[in-house]
C-alpha atoms as a PDB file:
ATOM      1  CA  MET A   1      83.833 123.157 103.266  1.00  0.00           C
ATOM      2  CA  SER A   2      85.961 126.297 103.073  1.00  0.00           C
ATOM      3  CA  GLY A   3      88.361 127.365 105.783  1.00  0.00           C
ATOM      4  CA  LEU A   4      86.285 130.444 106.615  1.00  0.00           C
ATOM      5  CA  THR A   5      83.094 128.425 106.926  1.00  0.00           C
ATOM      6  CA  GLU A   6      84.895 126.017 109.223  1.00  0.00           C
ATOM      7  CA  GLN A   7      86.205 128.926 111.317  1.00  0.00           C
ATOM      8  CA  ILE A   8      82.693 130.292 111.805  1.00  0.00           C
ATOM      9  CA  ILE A   9      81.237 126.902 112.719  1.00  0.00           C
ATOM     10  CA  GLU A  10      84.100 126.231 115.123  1.00  0.00           C
ATOM     11  CA  ALA A  11      83.606 129.672 116.717  1.00  0.00           C
ATOM     12  CA  LEU A  12      79.933 128.846 117.230  1.00  0.00           C
ATOM     13  CA  ARG A  13      80.719 125.433 118.693  1.00  0.00           C
ATOM     14  CA  GLU A  14      83.069 127.065 121.191  1.00  0.00           C
ATOM     15  CA  LYS A  15      80.171 129.231 122.405  1.00  0.00           C
ATOM     16  CA  ALA A  16      77.737 126.316 122.740  1.00  0.00           C
ATOM     17  CA  ILE A  17      75.900 125.963 126.058  1.00  0.00           C
ATOM     18  CA  PRO A  18      74.668 122.375 126.614  1.00  0.00           C
ATOM     19  CA  GLU A  19      71.717 123.428 128.794  1.00  0.00           C
ATOM     20  CA  LYS A  20      70.569 125.844 126.097  1.00  0.00           C
ATOM     21  CA  ALA A  21      70.960 123.154 123.425  1.00  0.00           C
ATOM     22  CA  SER A  22      68.561 121.001 125.447  1.00  0.00           C
ATOM     23  CA  PHE A  23      66.019 123.804 125.874  1.00  0.00           C
ATOM     24  CA  LEU A  24      65.909 125.260 122.345  1.00  0.00           C
ATOM     25  CA  PRO A  25      64.330 122.275 120.537  1.00  0.00           C
ATOM     26  CA  LYS A  26      61.270 122.645 122.784  1.00  0.00           C
ATOM     27  CA  PHE A  27      61.214 126.442 122.388  1.00  0.00           C
ATOM     28  CA  PHE A  28      61.347 126.223 118.588  1.00  0.00           C
ATOM     29  CA  LYS A  29      58.876 123.335 118.372  1.00  0.00           C
ATOM     30  CA  THR A  30      61.040 120.700 116.695  1.00  0.00           C
ATOM     31  CA  GLY A  31      58.886 117.665 117.502  1.00  0.00           C
ATOM     32  CA  PRO A  32      57.060 115.538 114.918  1.00  0.00           C
ATOM     33  CA  GLY A  33      54.430 117.622 113.118  1.00  0.00           C
ATOM     34  CA  GLU A  34      55.554 120.867 114.752  1.00  0.00           C
ATOM     35  CA  TYR A  35      56.669 123.901 112.751  1.00  0.00           C
ATOM     36  CA  GLY A  36      60.380 123.362 113.456  1.00  0.00           C
ATOM     37  CA  GLU A  37      60.328 119.602 113.043  1.00  0.00           C
ATOM     38  CA  GLY A  38      63.800 118.064 112.969  1.00  0.00           C
ATOM     39  CA  ASP A  39      65.784 121.275 113.542  1.00  0.00           C
ATOM     40  CA  LEU A  40      69.106 120.931 115.375  1.00  0.00           C
ATOM     41  CA  PHE A  41      70.755 123.251 117.914  1.00  0.00           C
ATOM     42  CA  LEU A  42      74.179 123.937 119.408  1.00  0.00           C
ATOM     43  CA  GLY A  43      72.922 126.139 122.225  1.00  0.00           C
ATOM     44  CA  VAL A  44      74.545 129.461 121.208  1.00  0.00           C
ATOM     45  CA  THR A  45      73.068 132.783 122.326  1.00  0.00           C
ATOM     46  CA  VAL A  46      71.978 135.319 119.709  1.00  0.00           C
ATOM     47  CA  PRO A  47      74.451 137.975 120.984  1.00  0.00           C
ATOM     48  CA  ASP A  48      77.290 135.488 120.460  1.00  0.00           C
ATOM     49  CA  GLN A  49      75.991 134.705 116.975  1.00  0.00           C
ATOM     50  CA  ARG A  50      75.863 138.414 116.158  1.00  0.00           C
ATOM     51  CA  GLN A  51      79.419 138.915 117.383  1.00  0.00           C
ATOM     52  CA  ILE A  52      80.696 136.072 115.202  1.00  0.00           C
ATOM     53  CA  ALA A  53      78.718 137.299 112.177  1.00  0.00           C
ATOM     54  CA  LYS A  54      80.201 140.789 112.612  1.00  0.00           C
ATOM     55  CA  GLN A  55      83.679 139.307 112.821  1.00  0.00           C
ATOM     56  CA  PHE A  56      83.435 137.540 109.449  1.00  0.00           C
ATOM     57  CA  PHE A  57      80.807 139.260 107.277  1.00  0.00           C
ATOM     58  CA  LYS A  58      83.196 141.507 105.331  1.00  0.00           C
ATOM     59  CA  GLU A  59      85.334 138.690 103.965  1.00  0.00           C
ATOM     60  CA  ILE A  60      82.839 135.866 103.560  1.00  0.00           C
ATOM     61  CA  SER A  61      81.765 134.938 100.026  1.00  0.00           C
ATOM     62  CA  LEU A  62      78.216 134.182  98.888  1.00  0.00           C
ATOM     63  CA  GLU A  63      79.293 130.590  98.310  1.00  0.00           C
ATOM     64  CA  GLU A  64      80.392 130.361 101.945  1.00  0.00           C
ATOM     65  CA  LEU A  65      77.197 132.086 103.097  1.00  0.00           C
ATOM     66  CA  THR A  66      75.207 129.502 101.163  1.00  0.00           C
ATOM     67  CA  ARG A  67      76.881 126.721 103.154  1.00  0.00           C
ATOM     68  CA  LEU A  68      76.021 128.453 106.411  1.00  0.00           C
ATOM     69  CA  ILE A  69      72.431 129.348 105.522  1.00  0.00           C
ATOM     70  CA  GLN A  70      71.731 125.832 104.258  1.00  0.00           C
ATOM     71  CA  HIS A  71      73.318 124.116 107.261  1.00  0.00           C
ATOM     72  CA  PRO A  72      71.095 121.737 109.272  1.00  0.00           C
ATOM     73  CA  ILE A  73      72.033 123.433 112.573  1.00  0.00           C
ATOM     74  CA  HIS A  74      69.801 126.373 113.435  1.00  0.00           C
ATOM     75  CA  GLU A  75      72.394 128.743 114.891  1.00  0.00           C
ATOM     76  CA  ILE A  76      74.689 128.248 111.905  1.00  0.00           C
ATOM     77  CA  ARG A  77      71.842 129.235 109.568  1.00  0.00           C
ATOM     78  CA  LEU A  78      71.036 132.279 111.682  1.00  0.00           C
ATOM     79  CA  THR A  79      74.673 133.362 111.858  1.00  0.00           C
ATOM     80  CA  GLY A  80      74.878 133.150 108.071  1.00  0.00           C
ATOM     81  CA  LEU A  81      71.742 135.266 107.742  1.00  0.00           C
ATOM     82  CA  LEU A  82      73.055 137.823 110.236  1.00  0.00           C
ATOM     83  CA  ALA A  83      76.295 138.067 108.258  1.00  0.00           C
ATOM     84  CA  LEU A  84      74.228 138.645 105.113  1.00  0.00           C
ATOM     85  CA  VAL A  85      72.286 141.422 106.837  1.00  0.00           C
ATOM     86  CA  TYR A  86      75.516 143.117 107.912  1.00  0.00           C
ATOM     87  CA  ARG A  87      76.914 142.767 104.385  1.00  0.00           C
ATOM     88  CA  TYR A  88      73.742 144.274 102.922  1.00  0.00           C
ATOM     89  CA  GLU A  89      73.758 147.185 105.367  1.00  0.00           C
ATOM     90  CA  LYS A  90      77.359 148.042 104.452  1.00  0.00           C
ATOM     91  CA  THR A  91      76.793 147.718 100.696  1.00  0.00           C
ATOM     92  CA  LYS A  92      76.302 151.067  98.978  1.00  0.00           C
ATOM     93  CA  SER A  93      75.585 150.527  95.287  1.00  0.00           C
ATOM     94  CA  GLU A  94      72.097 149.620  94.094  1.00  0.00           C
ATOM     95  CA  PRO A  95      73.282 146.786  91.798  1.00  0.00           C
ATOM     96  CA  ASP A  96      75.296 145.232  94.611  1.00  0.00           C
ATOM     97  CA  LYS A  97      72.357 145.523  96.983  1.00  0.00           C
ATOM     98  CA  MET A  98      70.093 143.925  94.383  1.00  0.00           C
ATOM     99  CA  ALA A  99      72.539 141.026  94.046  1.00  0.00           C
ATOM    100  CA  LEU A 100      72.326 140.426  97.795  1.00  0.00           C
ATOM    101  CA  VAL A 101      68.523 140.668  97.690  1.00  0.00           C
ATOM    102  CA  ASN A 102      68.388 138.094  94.900  1.00  0.00           C
ATOM    103  CA  PHE A 103      70.753 135.877  96.848  1.00  0.00           C
ATOM    104  CA  TYR A 104      68.541 136.162  99.932  1.00  0.00           C
ATOM    105  CA  LEU A 105      65.457 135.264  97.900  1.00  0.00           C
ATOM    106  CA  SER A 106      67.281 132.234  96.525  1.00  0.00           C
ATOM    107  CA  GLN A 107      67.805 131.019 100.116  1.00  0.00           C
ATOM    108  CA  LEU A 108      64.235 131.404 101.391  1.00  0.00           C
ATOM    109  CA  ASP A 109      63.700 127.664 101.715  1.00  0.00           C
ATOM    110  CA  PHE A 110      66.267 127.754 104.528  1.00  0.00           C
ATOM    111  CA  VAL A 111      64.830 130.829 106.282  1.00  0.00           C
ATOM    112  CA  ASN A 112      62.586 128.346 107.993  1.00  0.00           C
ATOM    113  CA  ASN A 113      61.771 129.465 111.491  1.00  0.00           C
ATOM    114  CA  TRP A 114      60.309 132.643 112.910  1.00  0.00           C
ATOM    115  CA  ASP A 115      63.576 133.997 114.340  1.00  0.00           C
ATOM    116  CA  LEU A 116      65.386 133.425 111.044  1.00  0.00           C
ATOM    117  CA  VAL A 117      62.645 135.372 109.258  1.00  0.00           C
ATOM    118  CA  ASP A 118      62.452 138.170 111.818  1.00  0.00           C
ATOM    119  CA  SER A 119      66.229 138.674 111.980  1.00  0.00           C
ATOM    120  CA  SER A 120      66.683 139.139 108.248  1.00  0.00           C
ATOM    121  CA  CYS A 121      63.676 139.915 106.058  1.00  0.00           C
ATOM    122  CA  TYR A 122      62.761 143.487 106.949  1.00  0.00           C
ATOM    123  CA  GLN A 123      66.424 144.483 107.161  1.00  0.00           C
ATOM    124  CA  ILE A 124      67.034 143.255 103.590  1.00  0.00           C
ATOM    125  CA  LEU A 125      63.769 142.993 101.646  1.00  0.00           C
ATOM    126  CA  GLY A 126      61.920 145.659 103.600  1.00  0.00           C
ATOM    127  CA  HIS A 127      64.747 148.127 103.104  1.00  0.00           C
ATOM    128  CA  PHE A 128      65.378 147.364  99.431  1.00  0.00           C
ATOM    129  CA  TYR A 129      61.713 147.538  98.390  1.00  0.00           C
ATOM    130  CA  TRP A 130      60.770 150.530 100.547  1.00  0.00           C
ATOM    131  CA  LYS A 131      60.302 152.866  97.589  1.00  0.00           C
ATOM    132  CA  LYS A 132      59.669 150.137  95.011  1.00  0.00           C
ATOM    133  CA  GLU A 133      56.780 148.074  93.717  1.00  0.00           C
ATOM    134  CA  LYS A 134      55.629 145.619  96.396  1.00  0.00           C
ATOM    135  CA  THR A 135      54.227 142.835  94.181  1.00  0.00           C
ATOM    136  CA  LEU A 136      56.787 140.390  95.591  1.00  0.00           C
ATOM    137  CA  PHE A 137      55.260 140.593  99.055  1.00  0.00           C
ATOM    138  CA  TYR A 138      51.720 139.896  97.883  1.00  0.00           C
ATOM    139  CA  GLU A 139      53.031 136.893  95.957  1.00  0.00           C
ATOM    140  CA  LEU A 140      54.753 135.660  99.113  1.00  0.00           C
ATOM    141  CA  ALA A 141      51.570 136.283 101.103  1.00  0.00           C
ATOM    142  CA  ASP A 142      49.615 134.161  98.623  1.00  0.00           C
ATOM    143  CA  SER A 143      52.202 131.373  98.550  1.00  0.00           C
ATOM    144  CA  GLU A 144      50.510 129.147 101.166  1.00  0.00           C
ATOM    145  CA  HIS A 145      53.979 128.659 102.676  1.00  0.00           C
ATOM    146  CA  LEU A 146      54.158 129.693 106.344  1.00  0.00           C
ATOM    147  CA  TRP A 147      57.661 131.129 106.392  1.00  0.00           C
ATOM    148  CA  ARG A 148      57.320 132.985 103.071  1.00  0.00           C
ATOM    149  CA  GLN A 149      54.059 134.444 104.303  1.00  0.00           C
ATOM    150  CA  ARG A 150      55.748 135.556 107.505  1.00  0.00           C
ATOM    151  CA  VAL A 151      58.530 137.110 105.385  1.00  0.00           C
ATOM    152  CA  ALA A 152      55.838 139.099 103.565  1.00  0.00           C
ATOM    153  CA  MET A 153      54.278 140.375 106.798  1.00  0.00           C
ATOM    154  CA  ILE A 154      57.437 141.086 108.794  1.00  0.00           C
ATOM    155  CA  SER A 155      59.186 142.802 105.859  1.00  0.00           C
ATOM    156  CA  SER A 156      56.580 145.545 106.267  1.00  0.00           C
ATOM    157  CA  TYR A 157      58.168 146.439 109.623  1.00  0.00           C
ATOM    158  CA  PHE A 158      60.723 148.543 107.757  1.00  0.00           C
ATOM    159  CA  TRP A 159      58.013 150.567 106.013  1.00  0.00           C
ATOM    160  CA  ILE A 160      56.102 150.940 109.271  1.00  0.00           C
ATOM    161  CA  LYS A 161      59.227 152.370 110.883  1.00  0.00           C
ATOM    162  CA  LYS A 162      59.285 154.922 108.053  1.00  0.00           C
ATOM    163  CA  GLY A 163      55.686 155.906 108.778  1.00  0.00           C
ATOM    164  CA  GLU A 164      54.231 154.177 105.705  1.00  0.00           C
ATOM    165  CA  PHE A 165      51.400 151.816 106.593  1.00  0.00           C
ATOM    166  CA  ALA A 166      49.344 151.084 103.471  1.00  0.00           C
ATOM    167  CA  ASP A 167      51.089 147.893 102.368  1.00  0.00           C
ATOM    168  CA  ALA A 168      51.443 146.614 105.921  1.00  0.00           C
ATOM    169  CA  LEU A 169      47.689 147.032 106.426  1.00  0.00           C
ATOM    170  CA  ALA A 170      46.924 145.398 103.099  1.00  0.00           C
ATOM    171  CA  LEU A 171      49.142 142.430 103.946  1.00  0.00           C
ATOM    172  CA  ALA A 172      47.592 142.205 107.412  1.00  0.00           C
ATOM    173  CA  GLY A 173      44.153 142.114 105.828  1.00  0.00           C
ATOM    174  CA  ARG A 174      45.252 139.383 103.457  1.00  0.00           C
ATOM    175  CA  LEU A 175      46.943 137.246 106.131  1.00  0.00           C
ATOM    176  CA  LYS A 176      44.775 137.872 109.194  1.00  0.00           C
ATOM    177  CA  ASN A 177      42.803 134.645 108.866  1.00  0.00           C
ATOM    178  CA  HIS A 178      45.813 132.411 108.309  1.00  0.00           C
ATOM    179  CA  SER A 179      45.516 129.018 109.970  1.00  0.00           C
ATOM    180  CA  HIS A 180      48.776 129.215 111.960  1.00  0.00           C
ATOM    181  CA  ASP A 181      49.256 130.946 115.304  1.00  0.00           C
ATOM    182  CA  LEU A 182      52.685 132.233 114.221  1.00  0.00           C
ATOM    183  CA  MET A 183      50.992 134.294 111.509  1.00  0.00           C
ATOM    184  CA  HIS A 184      48.404 135.566 113.969  1.00  0.00           C
ATOM    185  CA  LYS A 185      51.280 136.815 116.121  1.00  0.00           C
ATOM    186  CA  ALA A 186      53.031 138.402 113.134  1.00  0.00           C
ATOM    187  CA  VAL A 187      49.889 140.234 112.014  1.00  0.00           C
ATOM    188  CA  GLY A 188      49.117 141.434 115.537  1.00  0.00           C
ATOM    189  CA  TRP A 189      52.702 142.552 116.088  1.00  0.00           C
ATOM    190  CA  MET A 190      52.782 144.650 112.910  1.00  0.00           C
ATOM    191  CA  LEU A 191      49.418 146.210 113.739  1.00  0.00           C
ATOM    192  CA  ARG A 192      50.734 147.109 117.195  1.00  0.00           C
ATOM    193  CA  GLU A 193      53.826 148.689 115.609  1.00  0.00           C
ATOM    194  CA  ILE A 194      51.571 150.789 113.384  1.00  0.00           C
ATOM    195  CA  GLY A 195      49.624 151.868 116.457  1.00  0.00           C
ATOM    196  CA  ASN A 196      52.844 152.834 118.228  1.00  0.00           C
ATOM    197  CA  ARG A 197      53.366 155.396 115.471  1.00  0.00           C
ATOM    198  CA  ASN A 198      49.794 156.309 114.554  1.00  0.00           C
ATOM    199  CA  PHE A 199      47.142 155.120 116.963  1.00  0.00           C
ATOM    200  CA  GLU A 200      44.234 156.285 114.804  1.00  0.00           C
ATOM    201  CA  VAL A 201      45.384 154.289 111.781  1.00  0.00           C
ATOM    202  CA  GLU A 202      45.524 151.080 113.794  1.00  0.00           C
ATOM    203  CA  LEU A 203      42.229 151.850 115.522  1.00  0.00           C
ATOM    204  CA  GLU A 204      40.449 152.404 112.212  1.00  0.00           C
ATOM    205  CA  PHE A 205      41.748 149.085 110.856  1.00  0.00           C
ATOM    206  CA  LEU A 206      40.750 147.197 113.992  1.00  0.00           C
ATOM    207  CA  LYS A 207      37.239 148.643 114.040  1.00  0.00           C
ATOM    208  CA  LYS A 208      36.735 147.176 110.583  1.00  0.00           C
ATOM    209  CA  HIS A 209      38.427 143.830 111.183  1.00  0.00           C
ATOM    210  CA  TYR A 210      38.558 142.972 114.881  1.00  0.00           C
ATOM    211  CA  GLN A 211      35.545 140.656 114.774  1.00  0.00           C
ATOM    212  CA  THR A 212      37.296 138.431 112.225  1.00  0.00           C
ATOM    213  CA  LEU A 213      40.787 138.670 113.702  1.00  0.00           C
ATOM    214  CA  PRO A 214      42.026 135.544 115.474  1.00  0.00           C
ATOM    215  CA  ARG A 215      42.166 136.112 119.221  1.00  0.00           C
ATOM    216  CA  THR A 216      45.974 135.946 119.321  1.00  0.00           C
ATOM    217  CA  ALA A 217      46.320 138.591 116.602  1.00  0.00           C
ATOM    218  CA  LEU A 218      43.850 140.858 118.389  1.00  0.00           C
ATOM    219  CA  ARG A 219      45.613 140.488 121.740  1.00  0.00           C
ATOM    220  CA  TYR A 220      48.956 141.350 120.194  1.00  0.00           C
ATOM    221  CA  ALA A 221      47.464 144.315 118.321  1.00  0.00           C
ATOM    222  CA  ILE A 222      45.786 145.902 121.334  1.00  0.00           C
ATOM    223  CA  GLU A 223      48.454 145.093 123.915  1.00  0.00           C
ATOM    224  CA  LYS A 224      49.298 148.769 124.512  1.00  0.00           C
ATOM    225  CA  PHE A 225      45.771 150.165 124.274  1.00  0.00           C
ATOM    226  CA  PRO A 226      44.210 151.871 127.304  1.00  0.00           C
ATOM    227  CA  GLU A 227      42.752 149.113 129.453  1.00  0.00           C
ATOM    228  CA  ASP A 228      39.127 150.145 129.024  1.00  0.00           C
ATOM    229  CA  LEU A 229      39.437 150.226 125.230  1.00  0.00           C
ATOM    230  CA  ARG A 230      41.355 146.943 125.246  1.00  0.00           C
ATOM    231  CA  GLN A 231      38.541 145.294 127.184  1.00  0.00           C
ATOM    232  CA  ASP A 232      35.937 146.731 124.800  1.00  0.00           C
ATOM    233  CA  PHE A 233      37.702 145.054 121.891  1.00  0.00           C
ATOM    234  CA  LEU A 234      38.065 141.764 123.742  1.00  0.00           C
ATOM    235  CA  LYS A 235      34.375 141.779 124.725  1.00  0.00           C
ATOM    236  CA  GLY A 236      33.189 142.921 121.296  1.00  0.00           C
ATOM    237  CA  ASN A 237      31.752 146.197 122.598  1.00  0.00           C
ATOM    238  CA  ILE A 238      33.168 148.425 119.846  1.00  0.00           C
END
């Protein structure tokens, strides 16, 4: 392990909070058969991870990032991903950005919990593919792999922020009947974000699909609706 990788891991260990390390395995569902089965935690807060990632991202190599992102400890993986996001955001040339995108895609097997996905995919993939062909995201959506499917859905957050909803809606339609609650939440969240920017677009989608949306997805999607309209959706009175 390189000296820089060791410095980052040591910095994270110094910020570890034992009580948090005891709580996080339950929060991230690490028990047998759960989505985070076997994951390990130090008990480091996300702000501390961000601070450490910002301290080292300029000088860290992709080889060193690989060691972090593939580490068995959750916060070390997340810190590596945060450093990659910061590196991507500071990179100017298209070829260099593409190299970081390809590197990120090569590490997807280790982007294996919802916070790891949500803290990296739209900032890297969403940004890079904003004005490009979106085939990648439909392939991820069809992969039958929970975290890759969540990458597909949450990457659309960047396009939603830019006021472009077509691919986000198409992905929501494709993923809305996923078997896992974490995808229901992702779909509902992205629909809500569309509604925050264009209420009518979200409303039109929901009128067509609300009867087949899982309850969790619907509740997330209509969270900020006027109460009477929210109740109409929940009671099926649309």
